Amino acid sequence: MATEISNPANPLRVRFTRKPVDLHEVLAATPYDERPEPVVISETRELTTAEYDVFANTLLQDRDWLAGKGGYLDHATRHVVEVKAENRKTLYVDPSGSAYGRYVGIAVEA
């Protein structure tokens, strides 16, 4: 598992939604939730568009590839799994040790 920070001087910042049911909830809640947080991408998961659509519509479902990941490993920066698919919005998932999308967010512009 590779941990990366794309630009340590200007880290990726993500606004999270806690326990969203689906992507629509993330997109609707995101502008009103907490301030954006800097994140470290611990793993990138590339999905097909069909897999992404299933994932994005069932964020509370357990997935083996999320199990035990995420959280604040260094007590300062949230570690996330980056979830990507062609022609889809990249999601940043912090299961905080669980196996589902406990915190799911999207990147915000600086």
C-alpha atoms as a PDB file:
ATOM      1  CA  MET A   1       0.000   0.000   0.000  1.00  0.00           C
ATOM      2  CA  ALA A   2       1.612   3.221  -1.156  1.00  0.00           C
ATOM      3  CA  THR A   3       1.021   6.440   0.705  1.00  0.00           C
ATOM      4  CA  GLU A   4       1.324   9.578  -1.333  1.00  0.00           C
ATOM      5  CA  ILE A   5       0.870  13.286  -1.026  1.00  0.00           C
ATOM      6  CA  SER A   6       0.681  14.782  -4.484  1.00  0.00           C
ATOM      7  CA  ASN A   7       2.062  18.135  -3.361  1.00  0.00           C
ATOM      8  CA  PRO A   8       3.123  18.390   0.303  1.00  0.00           C
ATOM      9  CA  ALA A   9       3.236  22.208   0.105  1.00  0.00           C
ATOM     10  CA  ASN A  10      -0.366  22.319  -1.154  1.00  0.00           C
ATOM     11  CA  PRO A  11      -2.079  19.050  -0.155  1.00  0.00           C
ATOM     12  CA  LEU A  12      -5.315  17.814  -1.652  1.00  0.00           C
ATOM     13  CA  ARG A  13      -8.241  19.101   0.399  1.00  0.00           C
ATOM     14  CA  VAL A  14     -11.491  17.183   0.695  1.00  0.00           C
ATOM     15  CA  ARG A  15     -14.866  18.052   2.181  1.00  0.00           C
ATOM     16  CA  PHE A  16     -16.460  14.966   3.762  1.00  0.00           C
ATOM     17  CA  THR A  17     -19.978  13.794   4.504  1.00  0.00           C
ATOM     18  CA  ARG A  18     -20.448  11.366   7.402  1.00  0.00           C
ATOM     19  CA  LYS A  19     -22.214   8.077   6.628  1.00  0.00           C
ATOM     20  CA  PRO A  20     -23.805   9.096   3.330  1.00  0.00           C
ATOM     21  CA  VAL A  21     -26.205   6.643   1.741  1.00  0.00           C
ATOM     22  CA  ASP A  22     -25.184   7.487  -1.817  1.00  0.00           C
ATOM     23  CA  LEU A  23     -23.309   9.940  -4.018  1.00  0.00           C
ATOM     24  CA  HIS A  24     -26.333  12.236  -4.259  1.00  0.00           C
ATOM     25  CA  GLU A  25     -26.181  12.741  -0.490  1.00  0.00           C
ATOM     26  CA  VAL A  26     -22.450  13.528  -0.688  1.00  0.00           C
ATOM     27  CA  LEU A  27     -23.006  16.104  -3.431  1.00  0.00           C
ATOM     28  CA  ALA A  28     -25.993  17.684  -1.675  1.00  0.00           C
ATOM     29  CA  ALA A  29     -24.394  17.869   1.766  1.00  0.00           C
ATOM     30  CA  THR A  30     -20.834  18.703   0.839  1.00  0.00           C
ATOM     31  CA  PRO A  31     -21.186  22.492   0.485  1.00  0.00           C
ATOM     32  CA  TYR A  32     -22.700  22.693   3.965  1.00  0.00           C
ATOM     33  CA  ASP A  33     -20.583  20.222   5.921  1.00  0.00           C
ATOM     34  CA  GLU A  34     -17.308  20.730   7.698  1.00  0.00           C
ATOM     35  CA  ARG A  35     -14.386  22.690   6.313  1.00  0.00           C
ATOM     36  CA  PRO A  36     -12.173  20.884   3.814  1.00  0.00           C
ATOM     37  CA  GLU A  37      -9.402  18.757   5.303  1.00  0.00           C
ATOM     38  CA  PRO A  38      -5.989  17.884   3.904  1.00  0.00           C
ATOM     39  CA  VAL A  39      -5.746  14.198   3.032  1.00  0.00           C
ATOM     40  CA  VAL A  40      -3.143  11.576   2.250  1.00  0.00           C
ATOM     41  CA  ILE A  41      -4.098   9.072  -0.432  1.00  0.00           C
ATOM     42  CA  SER A  42      -3.194   5.660   0.991  1.00  0.00           C
ATOM     43  CA  GLU A  43      -4.544   3.686  -1.948  1.00  0.00           C
ATOM     44  CA  THR A  44      -6.213   4.313  -5.293  1.00  0.00           C
ATOM     45  CA  ARG A  45      -9.013   2.016  -6.390  1.00  0.00           C
ATOM     46  CA  GLU A  46      -9.833   2.159 -10.110  1.00  0.00           C
ATOM     47  CA  LEU A  47     -13.310   0.852 -10.922  1.00  0.00           C
ATOM     48  CA  THR A  48     -15.232   0.336 -14.124  1.00  0.00           C
ATOM     49  CA  THR A  49     -18.082   2.795 -14.581  1.00  0.00           C
ATOM     50  CA  ALA A  50     -20.560   0.034 -13.718  1.00  0.00           C
ATOM     51  CA  GLU A  51     -18.657  -0.842 -10.510  1.00  0.00           C
ATOM     52  CA  TYR A  52     -18.391   2.850  -9.605  1.00  0.00           C
ATOM     53  CA  ASP A  53     -22.120   3.385 -10.100  1.00  0.00           C
ATOM     54  CA  VAL A  54     -22.929   0.447  -7.808  1.00  0.00           C
ATOM     55  CA  PHE A  55     -20.433   1.709  -5.218  1.00  0.00           C
ATOM     56  CA  ALA A  56     -21.707   5.299  -5.410  1.00  0.00           C
ATOM     57  CA  ASN A  57     -25.289   4.150  -4.851  1.00  0.00           C
ATOM     58  CA  THR A  58     -24.486   1.863  -1.892  1.00  0.00           C
ATOM     59  CA  LEU A  59     -21.827   3.689   0.147  1.00  0.00           C
ATOM     60  CA  LEU A  60     -22.881   2.060   3.426  1.00  0.00           C
ATOM     61  CA  GLN A  61     -22.338  -1.473   2.098  1.00  0.00           C
ATOM     62  CA  ASP A  62     -19.224  -3.270   3.370  1.00  0.00           C
ATOM     63  CA  ARG A  63     -16.449  -3.868   0.881  1.00  0.00           C
ATOM     64  CA  ASP A  64     -13.382  -6.016   1.488  1.00  0.00           C
ATOM     65  CA  TRP A  65     -11.100  -3.485  -0.211  1.00  0.00           C
ATOM     66  CA  LEU A  66     -12.034  -0.781   2.338  1.00  0.00           C
ATOM     67  CA  ALA A  67     -11.686  -2.941   5.455  1.00  0.00           C
ATOM     68  CA  GLY A  68      -9.350  -1.558   8.099  1.00  0.00           C
ATOM     69  CA  LYS A  69      -8.264   1.485   6.108  1.00  0.00           C
ATOM     70  CA  GLY A  70      -8.465   5.217   6.681  1.00  0.00           C
ATOM     71  CA  GLY A  71      -8.409   7.305   9.807  1.00  0.00           C
ATOM     72  CA  TYR A  72      -5.826   9.688  11.206  1.00  0.00           C
ATOM     73  CA  LEU A  73      -2.718   7.532  11.226  1.00  0.00           C
ATOM     74  CA  ASP A  74      -0.442  10.469  12.062  1.00  0.00           C
ATOM     75  CA  HIS A  75      -3.002  12.267  14.279  1.00  0.00           C
ATOM     76  CA  ALA A  76      -3.035  15.218  11.876  1.00  0.00           C
ATOM     77  CA  THR A  77      -3.989  14.188   8.369  1.00  0.00           C
ATOM     78  CA  ARG A  78      -6.840  11.964   7.282  1.00  0.00           C
ATOM     79  CA  HIS A  79      -5.806   8.923   5.223  1.00  0.00           C
ATOM     80  CA  VAL A  80      -8.168   7.963   2.420  1.00  0.00           C
ATOM     81  CA  VAL A  81      -8.831   5.542  -0.397  1.00  0.00           C
ATOM     82  CA  GLU A  82      -9.209   7.379  -3.690  1.00  0.00           C
ATOM     83  CA  VAL A  83     -11.991   5.833  -5.808  1.00  0.00           C
ATOM     84  CA  LYS A  84     -11.921   6.569  -9.545  1.00  0.00           C
ATOM     85  CA  ALA A  85     -13.675   5.596 -12.755  1.00  0.00           C
ATOM     86  CA  GLU A  86     -13.655   7.036 -16.239  1.00  0.00           C
ATOM     87  CA  ASN A  87     -16.073   9.984 -16.648  1.00  0.00           C
ATOM     88  CA  ARG A  88     -17.018   9.905 -12.950  1.00  0.00           C
ATOM     89  CA  LYS A  89     -16.255  12.233 -10.034  1.00  0.00           C
ATOM     90  CA  THR A  90     -13.309  11.013  -7.962  1.00  0.00           C
ATOM     91  CA  LEU A  91     -14.350  10.120  -4.425  1.00  0.00           C
ATOM     92  CA  TYR A  92     -12.205  10.057  -1.301  1.00  0.00           C
ATOM     93  CA  VAL A  93     -13.286   7.467   1.243  1.00  0.00           C
ATOM     94  CA  ASP A  94     -12.236   7.207   4.874  1.00  0.00           C
ATOM     95  CA  PRO A  95     -13.750   4.059   6.338  1.00  0.00           C
ATOM     96  CA  SER A  96     -11.979   4.836   9.655  1.00  0.00           C
ATOM     97  CA  GLY A  97     -11.184   1.176  10.205  1.00  0.00           C
ATOM     98  CA  SER A  98     -14.552  -0.088   8.984  1.00  0.00           C
ATOM     99  CA  ALA A  99     -15.341  -1.625   5.606  1.00  0.00           C
ATOM    100  CA  TYR A 100     -17.861   0.934   4.295  1.00  0.00           C
ATOM    101  CA  GLY A 101     -17.873   4.600   3.316  1.00  0.00           C
ATOM    102  CA  ARG A 102     -18.080   6.078   6.808  1.00  0.00           C
ATOM    103  CA  TYR A 103     -16.733   9.411   5.505  1.00  0.00           C
ATOM    104  CA  VAL A 104     -16.973  10.108   1.788  1.00  0.00           C
ATOM    105  CA  GLY A 105     -15.910  13.347   0.171  1.00  0.00           C
ATOM    106  CA  ILE A 106     -14.950  15.186  -2.944  1.00  0.00           C
ATOM    107  CA  ALA A 107     -11.953  17.435  -3.538  1.00  0.00           C
ATOM    108  CA  VAL A 108     -12.452  21.177  -3.311  1.00  0.00           C
ATOM    109  CA  GLU A 109     -10.695  23.886  -5.222  1.00  0.00           C
ATOM    110  CA  ALA A 110      -8.018  25.781  -3.313  1.00  0.00           C
END
